[in-house]
N, C-alpha and C. Protein backbone atom coordinates (compact mmCIF):
# COMPACT_ATOMS: atom_id res chain seq x y z
N TYR A 1 99.72 111.83 204.98
CA TYR A 1 100.73 110.98 205.60
C TYR A 1 100.87 109.66 204.83
N ASN A 2 99.74 109.03 204.53
CA ASN A 2 99.79 107.77 203.79
C ASN A 2 100.39 107.95 202.40
N GLU A 3 100.06 109.07 201.77
CA GLU A 3 100.66 109.36 200.47
C GLU A 3 102.17 109.55 200.61
N GLY A 4 102.58 110.21 201.67
CA GLY A 4 104.00 110.38 201.94
C GLY A 4 104.69 109.04 202.08
N ASN A 5 104.05 108.12 202.79
CA ASN A 5 104.62 106.77 202.94
C ASN A 5 104.75 106.08 201.60
N LYS A 6 103.74 106.24 200.77
CA LYS A 6 103.77 105.62 199.44
C LYS A 6 104.96 106.17 198.64
N PHE A 7 105.13 107.48 198.65
CA PHE A 7 106.23 108.08 197.91
C PHE A 7 107.59 107.71 198.51
N LEU A 8 107.66 107.61 199.83
CA LEU A 8 108.91 107.23 200.48
C LEU A 8 109.32 105.82 200.04
N LYS A 9 108.36 104.90 199.99
CA LYS A 9 108.65 103.53 199.54
C LYS A 9 109.11 103.49 198.09
N GLN A 10 108.64 104.45 197.30
CA GLN A 10 109.03 104.53 195.89
C GLN A 10 110.32 105.34 195.69
N ASN A 11 110.95 105.73 196.79
CA ASN A 11 112.17 106.55 196.76
C ASN A 11 111.97 107.89 196.09
N ASP A 12 110.73 108.39 196.12
CA ASP A 12 110.44 109.73 195.63
C ASP A 12 110.39 110.65 196.85
N TRP A 13 111.59 110.97 197.35
CA TRP A 13 111.65 111.71 198.61
C TRP A 13 111.09 113.12 198.50
N GLU A 14 111.14 113.73 197.32
CA GLU A 14 110.60 115.09 197.18
C GLU A 14 109.09 115.10 197.41
N GLN A 15 108.38 114.14 196.80
CA GLN A 15 106.93 114.05 197.00
C GLN A 15 106.61 113.60 198.43
N ALA A 16 107.43 112.73 198.97
CA ALA A 16 107.23 112.29 200.36
C ALA A 16 107.33 113.49 201.30
N ILE A 17 108.34 114.33 201.10
CA ILE A 17 108.52 115.52 201.94
C ILE A 17 107.30 116.42 201.85
N ARG A 18 106.83 116.65 200.64
CA ARG A 18 105.66 117.52 200.45
C ARG A 18 104.46 116.98 201.22
N ASN A 19 104.22 115.68 201.14
CA ASN A 19 103.07 115.09 201.81
C ASN A 19 103.22 115.07 203.33
N TYR A 20 104.40 114.78 203.82
CA TYR A 20 104.60 114.80 205.28
C TYR A 20 104.45 116.21 205.83
N LYS A 21 104.91 117.21 205.09
CA LYS A 21 104.74 118.59 205.53
C LYS A 21 103.25 118.95 205.61
N MET A 22 102.47 118.46 204.64
CA MET A 22 101.03 118.71 204.70
C MET A 22 100.41 118.05 205.93
N ALA A 23 100.83 116.83 206.22
CA ALA A 23 100.31 116.13 207.39
C ALA A 23 100.65 116.90 208.66
N LEU A 24 101.85 117.43 208.75
CA LEU A 24 102.26 118.19 209.93
C LEU A 24 101.55 119.54 210.02
N HIS A 25 101.19 120.07 208.87
CA HIS A 25 100.42 121.32 208.86
C HIS A 25 99.07 121.11 209.54
N HIS A 26 98.50 119.94 209.37
CA HIS A 26 97.20 119.62 209.96
C HIS A 26 97.30 119.13 211.40
N SER A 27 98.44 118.55 211.74
CA SER A 27 98.61 118.02 213.10
C SER A 27 100.06 118.21 213.53
N LYS A 28 100.31 119.21 214.34
CA LYS A 28 101.68 119.57 214.75
C LYS A 28 102.33 118.52 215.66
N ASN A 29 101.55 117.62 216.24
CA ASN A 29 102.10 116.61 217.15
C ASN A 29 102.12 115.21 216.54
N PHE A 30 102.10 115.11 215.24
CA PHE A 30 102.06 113.83 214.53
C PHE A 30 103.48 113.26 214.47
N THR A 31 103.87 112.52 215.52
CA THR A 31 105.26 112.08 215.66
C THR A 31 105.74 111.24 214.49
N GLU A 32 104.91 110.35 213.99
CA GLU A 32 105.33 109.49 212.88
C GLU A 32 105.64 110.31 211.63
N ALA A 33 104.90 111.40 211.43
CA ALA A 33 105.17 112.26 210.28
C ALA A 33 106.53 112.93 210.41
N TYR A 34 106.89 113.35 211.62
CA TYR A 34 108.23 113.91 211.84
C TYR A 34 109.31 112.88 211.54
N ILE A 35 109.12 111.66 212.03
CA ILE A 35 110.10 110.60 211.81
C ILE A 35 110.28 110.35 210.32
N ASN A 36 109.17 110.17 209.62
CA ASN A 36 109.26 109.85 208.19
C ASN A 36 109.75 111.04 207.37
N LEU A 37 109.39 112.25 207.78
CA LEU A 37 109.90 113.44 207.10
C LEU A 37 111.42 113.51 207.25
N SER A 38 111.91 113.24 208.44
CA SER A 38 113.37 113.28 208.63
C SER A 38 114.04 112.19 207.79
N THR A 39 113.40 111.04 207.67
CA THR A 39 113.94 109.96 206.83
C THR A 39 113.98 110.39 205.36
N ALA A 40 112.92 111.02 204.90
CA ALA A 40 112.88 111.49 203.51
C ALA A 40 113.98 112.52 203.26
N TYR A 41 114.18 113.42 204.22
CA TYR A 41 115.27 114.39 204.08
C TYR A 41 116.63 113.69 204.03
N LEU A 42 116.82 112.69 204.88
CA LEU A 42 118.08 111.95 204.86
C LEU A 42 118.29 111.28 203.50
N ASN A 43 117.23 110.68 202.97
CA ASN A 43 117.31 110.02 201.66
C ASN A 43 117.70 111.00 200.56
N GLY A 44 117.24 112.24 200.72
CA GLY A 44 117.56 113.28 199.74
C GLY A 44 118.85 114.03 200.06
N LYS A 45 119.57 113.55 201.05
CA LYS A 45 120.84 114.16 201.48
C LYS A 45 120.65 115.62 201.92
N GLN A 46 119.47 115.91 202.45
CA GLN A 46 119.17 117.23 203.00
C GLN A 46 119.33 117.13 204.52
N TYR A 47 120.59 117.02 204.92
CA TYR A 47 120.90 116.69 206.30
C TYR A 47 120.44 117.74 207.30
N GLU A 48 120.65 119.01 206.98
CA GLU A 48 120.26 120.05 207.93
C GLU A 48 118.75 120.09 208.11
N ALA A 49 118.00 119.89 207.04
CA ALA A 49 116.54 119.86 207.14
C ALA A 49 116.10 118.67 207.99
N SER A 50 116.79 117.55 207.84
CA SER A 50 116.48 116.38 208.67
C SER A 50 116.73 116.69 210.14
N LEU A 51 117.85 117.31 210.44
CA LEU A 51 118.17 117.65 211.82
C LEU A 51 117.15 118.63 212.39
N GLU A 52 116.75 119.62 211.62
CA GLU A 52 115.73 120.57 212.09
C GLU A 52 114.42 119.85 212.41
N THR A 53 114.04 118.91 211.56
CA THR A 53 112.82 118.14 211.77
C THR A 53 112.93 117.32 213.05
N LEU A 54 114.06 116.68 213.24
CA LEU A 54 114.25 115.87 214.44
C LEU A 54 114.28 116.74 215.70
N ASN A 55 114.85 117.92 215.61
CA ASN A 55 114.84 118.83 216.75
C ASN A 55 113.42 119.30 217.08
N SER A 56 112.59 119.47 216.06
CA SER A 56 111.18 119.81 216.30
C SER A 56 110.49 118.68 217.05
N LEU A 57 110.75 117.46 216.63
CA LEU A 57 110.16 116.31 217.31
C LEU A 57 110.69 116.19 218.74
N LYS A 58 111.97 116.47 218.92
CA LYS A 58 112.58 116.38 220.25
C LYS A 58 111.87 117.32 221.23
N ALA A 59 111.41 118.47 220.75
CA ALA A 59 110.70 119.42 221.61
C ALA A 59 109.33 118.88 222.02
N ILE A 60 108.75 118.01 221.21
CA ILE A 60 107.43 117.45 221.47
C ILE A 60 107.50 116.15 222.26
N GLN A 61 108.38 115.26 221.82
CA GLN A 61 108.48 113.93 222.43
C GLN A 61 109.95 113.51 222.51
N PRO A 62 110.68 114.00 223.52
CA PRO A 62 112.13 113.81 223.58
C PRO A 62 112.59 112.36 223.81
N GLU A 63 111.70 111.48 224.20
CA GLU A 63 112.11 110.11 224.47
C GLU A 63 111.61 109.12 223.42
N HIS A 64 111.20 109.62 222.27
CA HIS A 64 110.73 108.74 221.20
C HIS A 64 111.93 107.95 220.66
N PRO A 65 111.87 106.61 220.69
CA PRO A 65 113.03 105.82 220.26
C PRO A 65 113.43 106.07 218.80
N LEU A 66 112.46 106.27 217.91
CA LEU A 66 112.81 106.49 216.50
C LEU A 66 113.43 107.87 216.27
N LEU A 67 113.12 108.82 217.14
CA LEU A 67 113.79 110.11 217.09
C LEU A 67 115.29 109.89 217.24
N HIS A 68 115.67 109.13 218.24
CA HIS A 68 117.09 108.91 218.50
C HIS A 68 117.73 108.00 217.46
N TYR A 69 116.96 107.05 216.94
CA TYR A 69 117.49 106.21 215.86
C TYR A 69 117.79 107.07 214.63
N ASN A 70 116.85 107.96 214.26
CA ASN A 70 117.09 108.81 213.11
C ASN A 70 118.21 109.82 213.37
N LEU A 71 118.34 110.26 214.63
CA LEU A 71 119.49 111.11 214.96
C LEU A 71 120.80 110.33 214.77
N ALA A 72 120.79 109.05 215.13
CA ALA A 72 121.98 108.22 214.91
C ALA A 72 122.29 108.15 213.42
N CYS A 73 121.27 107.98 212.60
CA CYS A 73 121.49 107.93 211.15
C CYS A 73 122.04 109.26 210.65
N TYR A 74 121.44 110.36 211.11
CA TYR A 74 121.93 111.69 210.71
C TYR A 74 123.41 111.85 211.06
N HIS A 75 123.76 111.55 212.31
CA HIS A 75 125.15 111.72 212.75
C HIS A 75 126.09 110.79 212.00
N ALA A 76 125.66 109.57 211.74
CA ALA A 76 126.51 108.62 211.01
C ALA A 76 126.75 109.12 209.58
N LEU A 77 125.70 109.61 208.94
CA LEU A 77 125.84 110.08 207.56
C LEU A 77 126.67 111.36 207.45
N THR A 78 126.77 112.10 208.55
CA THR A 78 127.56 113.34 208.52
C THR A 78 128.91 113.16 209.20
N GLY A 79 129.31 111.90 209.41
CA GLY A 79 130.65 111.60 209.90
C GLY A 79 130.88 111.86 211.38
N GLN A 80 129.83 111.86 212.16
CA GLN A 80 129.94 112.12 213.60
C GLN A 80 129.68 110.82 214.37
N ASP A 81 130.64 109.93 214.32
CA ASP A 81 130.46 108.60 214.89
C ASP A 81 130.14 108.59 216.38
N ASP A 82 130.83 109.42 217.16
CA ASP A 82 130.57 109.43 218.61
C ASP A 82 129.13 109.85 218.90
N SER A 83 128.67 110.89 218.22
CA SER A 83 127.29 111.34 218.42
C SER A 83 126.30 110.31 217.90
N ALA A 84 126.65 109.65 216.81
CA ALA A 84 125.78 108.61 216.26
C ALA A 84 125.62 107.46 217.25
N LEU A 85 126.72 107.05 217.82
CA LEU A 85 126.67 105.95 218.79
C LEU A 85 125.87 106.34 220.02
N LYS A 86 126.06 107.55 220.51
CA LYS A 86 125.29 108.02 221.68
C LYS A 86 123.79 108.04 221.37
N ALA A 87 123.44 108.51 220.19
CA ALA A 87 122.03 108.56 219.80
C ALA A 87 121.45 107.16 219.67
N LEU A 88 122.23 106.24 219.12
CA LEU A 88 121.77 104.86 218.99
C LEU A 88 121.58 104.21 220.36
N GLN A 89 122.49 104.48 221.26
CA GLN A 89 122.37 103.97 222.63
C GLN A 89 121.11 104.53 223.30
N ARG A 90 120.83 105.79 223.07
CA ARG A 90 119.60 106.39 223.63
C ARG A 90 118.36 105.77 223.01
N ALA A 91 118.40 105.50 221.72
CA ALA A 91 117.25 104.86 221.07
C ALA A 91 116.93 103.53 221.75
N VAL A 92 117.97 102.74 222.00
CA VAL A 92 117.79 101.44 222.67
C VAL A 92 117.30 101.67 224.10
N GLU A 93 117.88 102.63 224.77
CA GLU A 93 117.47 102.97 226.14
C GLU A 93 115.98 103.32 226.21
N PHE A 94 115.47 103.99 225.17
CA PHE A 94 114.08 104.41 225.14
C PHE A 94 113.15 103.37 224.51
N GLY A 95 113.69 102.19 224.20
CA GLY A 95 112.81 101.10 223.78
C GLY A 95 112.95 100.64 222.34
N PHE A 96 113.92 101.17 221.59
CA PHE A 96 114.12 100.71 220.21
C PHE A 96 114.54 99.25 220.22
N LYS A 97 113.82 98.42 219.46
CA LYS A 97 114.09 96.99 219.47
C LYS A 97 114.36 96.40 218.08
N SER A 98 114.36 97.22 217.07
CA SER A 98 114.56 96.72 215.71
C SER A 98 116.07 96.56 215.43
N PHE A 99 116.65 95.59 216.13
CA PHE A 99 118.10 95.42 216.07
C PHE A 99 118.58 94.99 214.68
N ARG A 100 117.74 94.33 213.93
CA ARG A 100 118.10 93.96 212.56
C ARG A 100 118.36 95.21 211.73
N SER A 101 117.58 96.26 211.98
CA SER A 101 117.79 97.53 211.25
C SER A 101 119.17 98.09 211.53
N VAL A 102 119.62 97.99 212.76
CA VAL A 102 120.94 98.49 213.12
C VAL A 102 122.01 97.74 212.33
N GLU A 103 121.79 96.46 212.10
CA GLU A 103 122.77 95.64 211.39
C GLU A 103 122.72 95.81 209.88
N THR A 104 121.61 96.33 209.34
CA THR A 104 121.46 96.38 207.89
C THR A 104 121.25 97.78 207.31
N ASP A 105 120.90 98.75 208.11
CA ASP A 105 120.60 100.09 207.61
C ASP A 105 121.84 100.69 206.95
N PRO A 106 121.74 101.04 205.66
CA PRO A 106 122.91 101.62 204.98
C PRO A 106 123.36 102.95 205.58
N ASP A 107 122.44 103.66 206.24
CA ASP A 107 122.81 104.93 206.88
C ASP A 107 123.83 104.72 208.01
N LEU A 108 123.83 103.54 208.58
CA LEU A 108 124.72 103.25 209.72
C LEU A 108 125.95 102.45 209.30
N GLU A 109 126.15 102.27 208.02
CA GLU A 109 127.23 101.42 207.51
C GLU A 109 128.60 101.83 208.06
N ASN A 110 128.93 103.11 208.00
CA ASN A 110 130.24 103.56 208.49
C ASN A 110 130.36 103.38 210.00
N LEU A 111 129.27 103.61 210.71
CA LEU A 111 129.30 103.47 212.16
C LEU A 111 129.59 102.03 212.58
N ARG A 112 129.04 101.08 211.84
CA ARG A 112 129.23 99.67 212.21
C ARG A 112 130.69 99.23 212.20
N SER A 113 131.53 99.94 211.46
CA SER A 113 132.95 99.57 211.42
C SER A 113 133.76 100.28 212.51
N ASN A 114 133.12 101.12 213.29
CA ASN A 114 133.80 101.84 214.37
C ASN A 114 134.01 100.88 215.54
N PRO A 115 135.23 100.78 216.08
CA PRO A 115 135.49 99.86 217.20
C PRO A 115 134.61 100.12 218.43
N LYS A 116 134.28 101.39 218.69
CA LYS A 116 133.40 101.70 219.82
C LYS A 116 132.01 101.10 219.61
N PHE A 117 131.53 101.19 218.37
CA PHE A 117 130.24 100.58 218.06
C PHE A 117 130.32 99.07 218.25
N GLU A 118 131.36 98.47 217.68
CA GLU A 118 131.51 97.01 217.77
C GLU A 118 131.54 96.55 219.23
N GLN A 119 132.24 97.27 220.07
CA GLN A 119 132.30 96.92 221.49
C GLN A 119 130.91 97.03 222.13
N TRP A 120 130.23 98.13 221.86
CA TRP A 120 128.89 98.32 222.43
C TRP A 120 127.91 97.26 221.89
N TRP A 121 127.99 97.00 220.59
CA TRP A 121 127.04 96.08 219.96
C TRP A 121 127.16 94.67 220.53
N LYS A 122 128.37 94.29 220.89
CA LYS A 122 128.59 92.95 221.44
C LYS A 122 128.23 92.86 222.92
N SER A 123 128.05 94.00 223.58
CA SER A 123 127.71 94.00 225.01
C SER A 123 126.21 93.78 225.18
N PRO A 124 125.78 93.34 226.36
CA PRO A 124 124.33 93.18 226.60
C PRO A 124 123.63 94.54 226.56
N LYS A 125 122.52 94.59 225.83
CA LYS A 125 121.77 95.82 225.70
C LYS A 125 120.31 95.63 226.10
N GLY A 126 120.05 94.59 226.82
CA GLY A 126 118.65 94.29 227.13
C GLY A 126 117.98 93.56 225.99
N ILE A 127 118.78 93.02 225.08
CA ILE A 127 118.24 92.28 223.93
C ILE A 127 117.76 90.92 224.45
N SER A 128 116.53 90.60 224.11
CA SER A 128 116.02 89.28 224.52
C SER A 128 115.66 88.44 223.33
């Protein structure tokens, strides 16, 4: 897992994927490995593999905030703005608080220009 993180930071998503898969082979409930594996797949534009990974995590921990955040990224990158916004709203509902990421994540760039997103983003979301 730590090696996967190292490779992910170096933008070597192929090696990151290999290492995260090894971590999951040893521990099927390692939620952070699922999250980072899905991120590595997104970085490599392997969208279906990312979605499969997120669906595996959803079966284990359906209310994990980063699960829904990564689903928002997946949907945004595949042009599904309505689904992306719903997933992002669920992430916040389940405790996602890294609002700066929402404002800067390149995966969400197209979503941020959507009027529905803009309306939701300006509304109170429990942000303190």
